[in-house]
Amino acid sequence: MRKIIALATIGLFAALTVPALASSDDDDVSCRTAGGQKMSVQDITAKVSGMGYTVRKVEHDDGCYEVKATDSNGVRIELKLNPATGAIIKSEKRS
């Protein structure tokens, strides 16, 4: 009986740990660049502005660019972009 409880505990721990690790790995992979090349802040600003956003702030965070902007309706949005391509990795509305 103790072996069953121990195995169940280990299995539960493994099941809860794997998704957390996978999530952080996905973010790291999306922000890695070949040879460390990345777009300039000016290029990122131009790219995001070309998508119809008004850029308020650009920061470099965890290997990615983090852009705080507003959309055409004035809604605040936070974008996470790949530093080499400027592709949007994550988009989140802010209040």
N, C-alpha and C. Protein backbone atom coordinates (compact mmCIF):
# COMPACT_ATOMS: atom_id res chain seq x y z
N MET A 1 0.83 -1.19 0.00
CA MET A 1 0.00 0.00 0.00
C MET A 1 0.87 1.26 0.00
N ARG A 2 1.96 1.23 0.77
CA ARG A 2 2.85 2.40 0.83
C ARG A 2 3.50 2.65 -0.54
N LYS A 3 3.82 1.55 -1.24
CA LYS A 3 4.43 1.70 -2.57
C LYS A 3 3.46 2.37 -3.53
N ILE A 4 2.20 2.01 -3.45
CA ILE A 4 1.19 2.60 -4.33
C ILE A 4 1.05 4.09 -4.04
N ILE A 5 1.00 4.45 -2.78
CA ILE A 5 0.89 5.86 -2.40
C ILE A 5 2.13 6.63 -2.85
N ALA A 6 3.31 6.04 -2.66
CA ALA A 6 4.55 6.70 -3.07
C ALA A 6 4.58 6.89 -4.58
N LEU A 7 4.21 5.87 -5.34
CA LEU A 7 4.19 5.98 -6.80
C LEU A 7 3.16 7.00 -7.27
N ALA A 8 2.01 7.02 -6.63
CA ALA A 8 0.97 7.99 -6.99
C ALA A 8 1.45 9.41 -6.71
N THR A 9 2.14 9.61 -5.61
CA THR A 9 2.67 10.93 -5.26
C THR A 9 3.71 11.37 -6.27
N ILE A 10 4.60 10.48 -6.65
CA ILE A 10 5.63 10.80 -7.64
C ILE A 10 5.00 11.12 -8.99
N GLY A 11 4.01 10.34 -9.37
CA GLY A 11 3.32 10.57 -10.64
C GLY A 11 2.61 11.91 -10.66
N LEU A 12 1.96 12.26 -9.57
CA LEU A 12 1.27 13.55 -9.46
C LEU A 12 2.27 14.69 -9.54
N PHE A 13 3.38 14.58 -8.83
CA PHE A 13 4.41 15.61 -8.85
C PHE A 13 4.95 15.79 -10.27
N ALA A 14 5.23 14.70 -10.96
CA ALA A 14 5.75 14.76 -12.33
C ALA A 14 4.73 15.41 -13.26
N ALA A 15 3.46 15.06 -13.11
CA ALA A 15 2.42 15.63 -13.97
C ALA A 15 2.27 17.13 -13.76
N LEU A 16 2.43 17.59 -12.55
CA LEU A 16 2.30 19.02 -12.26
C LEU A 16 3.55 19.80 -12.67
N THR A 17 4.70 19.17 -12.67
CA THR A 17 5.96 19.85 -12.97
C THR A 17 6.19 20.00 -14.46
N VAL A 18 5.88 19.03 -15.26
CA VAL A 18 6.17 19.04 -16.70
C VAL A 18 5.52 20.22 -17.43
N PRO A 19 4.23 20.55 -17.23
CA PRO A 19 3.66 21.69 -17.95
C PRO A 19 4.36 23.01 -17.62
N ALA A 20 4.75 23.21 -16.38
CA ALA A 20 5.44 24.44 -16.01
C ALA A 20 6.78 24.55 -16.72
N LEU A 21 7.49 23.47 -16.81
CA LEU A 21 8.78 23.49 -17.50
C LEU A 21 8.59 23.70 -19.00
N ALA A 22 7.60 23.09 -19.57
CA ALA A 22 7.35 23.23 -21.01
C ALA A 22 6.99 24.66 -21.35
N SER A 23 6.23 25.32 -20.51
CA SER A 23 5.81 26.68 -20.77
C SER A 23 7.01 27.63 -20.83
N SER A 24 7.93 27.53 -19.89
CA SER A 24 9.07 28.43 -19.90
C SER A 24 10.00 28.12 -21.07
N ASP A 25 10.12 26.85 -21.47
CA ASP A 25 10.95 26.49 -22.61
C ASP A 25 10.39 27.07 -23.90
N ASP A 26 9.05 27.06 -24.05
CA ASP A 26 8.44 27.60 -25.25
C ASP A 26 8.76 29.07 -25.41
N ASP A 27 8.68 29.84 -24.31
CA ASP A 27 8.99 31.26 -24.36
C ASP A 27 10.45 31.48 -24.73
N ASP A 28 11.37 30.68 -24.15
CA ASP A 28 12.78 30.84 -24.44
C ASP A 28 13.08 30.56 -25.90
N VAL A 29 12.47 29.50 -26.46
CA VAL A 29 12.72 29.13 -27.85
C VAL A 29 12.24 30.25 -28.77
N SER A 30 11.10 30.85 -28.50
CA SER A 30 10.55 31.89 -29.34
C SER A 30 11.41 33.15 -29.37
N CYS A 31 12.21 33.37 -28.34
CA CYS A 31 13.00 34.59 -28.24
C CYS A 31 14.47 34.38 -28.58
N ARG A 32 14.86 33.16 -28.88
CA ARG A 32 16.24 32.92 -29.27
C ARG A 32 16.47 33.43 -30.68
N THR A 33 17.67 33.96 -30.91
CA THR A 33 18.00 34.46 -32.24
C THR A 33 19.28 33.82 -32.73
N ALA A 34 19.36 33.61 -34.02
CA ALA A 34 20.56 33.02 -34.61
C ALA A 34 21.69 34.04 -34.57
N GLY A 35 22.78 33.69 -33.94
CA GLY A 35 23.94 34.57 -33.87
C GLY A 35 23.70 35.81 -33.03
N GLY A 36 22.65 35.81 -32.24
CA GLY A 36 22.39 36.96 -31.37
C GLY A 36 21.86 38.18 -32.12
N GLN A 37 21.47 38.01 -33.38
CA GLN A 37 20.95 39.14 -34.15
C GLN A 37 19.57 39.51 -33.67
N LYS A 38 19.32 40.82 -33.59
CA LYS A 38 17.99 41.28 -33.23
C LYS A 38 17.71 42.61 -33.90
N MET A 39 16.44 42.89 -34.06
CA MET A 39 16.01 44.16 -34.64
C MET A 39 16.27 45.28 -33.65
N SER A 40 16.44 46.48 -34.16
CA SER A 40 16.63 47.64 -33.29
C SER A 40 15.28 48.06 -32.70
N VAL A 41 15.33 48.86 -31.66
CA VAL A 41 14.10 49.38 -31.05
C VAL A 41 13.33 50.20 -32.08
N GLN A 42 14.03 50.95 -32.91
CA GLN A 42 13.38 51.77 -33.94
C GLN A 42 12.65 50.87 -34.95
N ASP A 43 13.30 49.75 -35.34
CA ASP A 43 12.67 48.83 -36.29
C ASP A 43 11.43 48.16 -35.68
N ILE A 44 11.53 47.78 -34.42
CA ILE A 44 10.38 47.17 -33.72
C ILE A 44 9.24 48.18 -33.64
N THR A 45 9.57 49.42 -33.29
CA THR A 45 8.56 50.48 -33.19
C THR A 45 7.87 50.68 -34.54
N ALA A 46 8.66 50.74 -35.61
CA ALA A 46 8.09 50.92 -36.95
C ALA A 46 7.20 49.74 -37.34
N LYS A 47 7.63 48.53 -37.02
CA LYS A 47 6.85 47.33 -37.37
C LYS A 47 5.51 47.32 -36.64
N VAL A 48 5.54 47.61 -35.34
CA VAL A 48 4.31 47.60 -34.54
C VAL A 48 3.39 48.74 -34.97
N SER A 49 3.97 49.90 -35.27
CA SER A 49 3.17 51.03 -35.76
C SER A 49 2.51 50.68 -37.09
N GLY A 50 3.23 49.96 -37.93
CA GLY A 50 2.68 49.52 -39.21
C GLY A 50 1.52 48.54 -39.07
N MET A 51 1.42 47.91 -37.90
CA MET A 51 0.31 46.99 -37.63
C MET A 51 -0.92 47.73 -37.12
N GLY A 52 -0.80 49.08 -36.98
CA GLY A 52 -1.95 49.87 -36.55
C GLY A 52 -1.95 50.24 -35.08
N TYR A 53 -0.88 49.95 -34.37
CA TYR A 53 -0.79 50.29 -32.95
C TYR A 53 -0.04 51.60 -32.76
N THR A 54 -0.35 52.29 -31.67
CA THR A 54 0.42 53.46 -31.25
C THR A 54 1.34 52.99 -30.14
N VAL A 55 2.63 53.02 -30.38
CA VAL A 55 3.63 52.51 -29.43
C VAL A 55 3.86 53.54 -28.33
N ARG A 56 3.77 53.07 -27.08
CA ARG A 56 4.03 53.93 -25.94
C ARG A 56 5.39 53.65 -25.32
N LYS A 57 5.81 52.36 -25.33
CA LYS A 57 7.07 51.99 -24.68
C LYS A 57 7.57 50.67 -25.25
N VAL A 58 8.90 50.56 -25.43
CA VAL A 58 9.52 49.33 -25.89
C VAL A 58 10.61 48.95 -24.90
N GLU A 59 10.58 47.70 -24.42
CA GLU A 59 11.58 47.21 -23.48
C GLU A 59 12.11 45.87 -23.99
N HIS A 60 13.31 45.54 -23.58
CA HIS A 60 13.88 44.23 -23.88
C HIS A 60 13.75 43.42 -22.60
N ASP A 61 13.00 42.31 -22.64
CA ASP A 61 12.71 41.53 -21.44
C ASP A 61 12.81 40.04 -21.73
N ASP A 62 13.65 39.34 -21.00
CA ASP A 62 13.82 37.89 -21.14
C ASP A 62 14.12 37.47 -22.58
N GLY A 63 14.91 38.26 -23.27
CA GLY A 63 15.29 37.92 -24.63
C GLY A 63 14.33 38.40 -25.70
N CYS A 64 13.13 38.80 -25.31
CA CYS A 64 12.12 39.28 -26.26
C CYS A 64 11.96 40.79 -26.13
N TYR A 65 11.31 41.37 -27.11
CA TYR A 65 10.89 42.76 -26.98
C TYR A 65 9.50 42.76 -26.38
N GLU A 66 9.27 43.65 -25.43
CA GLU A 66 7.96 43.83 -24.84
C GLU A 66 7.51 45.24 -25.20
N VAL A 67 6.38 45.34 -25.89
CA VAL A 67 5.90 46.62 -26.39
C VAL A 67 4.57 46.94 -25.72
N LYS A 68 4.50 48.12 -25.14
CA LYS A 68 3.24 48.62 -24.58
C LYS A 68 2.71 49.61 -25.59
N ALA A 69 1.46 49.40 -26.01
CA ALA A 69 0.88 50.20 -27.07
C ALA A 69 -0.62 50.33 -26.86
N THR A 70 -1.26 51.10 -27.75
CA THR A 70 -2.71 51.18 -27.78
C THR A 70 -3.17 50.83 -29.19
N ASP A 71 -4.34 50.20 -29.28
CA ASP A 71 -4.86 49.86 -30.61
C ASP A 71 -5.66 51.04 -31.15
N SER A 72 -6.28 50.87 -32.29
CA SER A 72 -7.01 51.96 -32.94
C SER A 72 -8.23 52.43 -32.14
N ASN A 73 -8.70 51.61 -31.19
CA ASN A 73 -9.82 51.98 -30.33
C ASN A 73 -9.37 52.57 -29.01
N GLY A 74 -8.06 52.73 -28.83
CA GLY A 74 -7.52 53.29 -27.59
C GLY A 74 -7.34 52.28 -26.47
N VAL A 75 -7.52 50.99 -26.78
CA VAL A 75 -7.36 49.92 -25.79
C VAL A 75 -5.87 49.65 -25.61
N ARG A 76 -5.43 49.64 -24.36
CA ARG A 76 -4.02 49.35 -24.07
C ARG A 76 -3.74 47.87 -24.30
N ILE A 77 -2.60 47.61 -24.89
CA ILE A 77 -2.21 46.24 -25.20
C ILE A 77 -0.72 46.07 -24.95
N GLU A 78 -0.36 44.88 -24.51
CA GLU A 78 1.05 44.55 -24.31
C GLU A 78 1.40 43.42 -25.27
N LEU A 79 2.43 43.64 -26.06
CA LEU A 79 2.86 42.65 -27.05
C LEU A 79 4.23 42.12 -26.69
N LYS A 80 4.43 40.84 -26.91
CA LYS A 80 5.74 40.20 -26.75
C LYS A 80 6.16 39.79 -28.15
N LEU A 81 7.34 40.28 -28.59
CA LEU A 81 7.79 40.05 -29.96
C LEU A 81 9.12 39.34 -30.02
N ASN A 82 9.27 38.51 -31.06
CA ASN A 82 10.54 37.87 -31.33
C ASN A 82 11.54 38.96 -31.71
N PRO A 83 12.73 38.99 -31.10
CA PRO A 83 13.68 40.08 -31.34
C PRO A 83 14.31 40.07 -32.73
N ALA A 84 14.34 38.94 -33.40
CA ALA A 84 14.97 38.86 -34.72
C ALA A 84 13.98 39.15 -35.85
N THR A 85 12.73 38.69 -35.68
CA THR A 85 11.76 38.81 -36.76
C THR A 85 10.68 39.86 -36.50
N GLY A 86 10.47 40.19 -35.24
CA GLY A 86 9.40 41.12 -34.88
C GLY A 86 8.04 40.46 -34.86
N ALA A 87 8.00 39.13 -34.99
CA ALA A 87 6.73 38.40 -34.97
C ALA A 87 6.13 38.45 -33.57
N ILE A 88 4.82 38.62 -33.50
CA ILE A 88 4.13 38.66 -32.21
C ILE A 88 4.05 37.24 -31.65
N ILE A 89 4.58 37.09 -30.44
CA ILE A 89 4.57 35.81 -29.75
C ILE A 89 3.35 35.74 -28.82
N LYS A 90 3.06 36.89 -28.21
CA LYS A 90 1.97 36.94 -27.23
C LYS A 90 1.36 38.34 -27.26
N SER A 91 0.05 38.40 -27.10
CA SER A 91 -0.67 39.66 -27.08
C SER A 91 -1.62 39.63 -25.89
N GLU A 92 -1.63 40.70 -25.12
CA GLU A 92 -2.48 40.73 -23.93
C GLU A 92 -3.06 42.13 -23.76
N LYS A 93 -4.39 42.21 -23.61
CA LYS A 93 -5.04 43.49 -23.35
C LYS A 93 -4.78 43.89 -21.91
N ARG A 94 -4.53 45.17 -21.69
CA ARG A 94 -4.30 45.70 -20.35
C ARG A 94 -5.41 46.66 -20.00
N SER A 95 -5.74 46.75 -18.74
CA SER A 95 -6.79 47.69 -18.33
C SER A 95 -6.20 48.93 -17.71
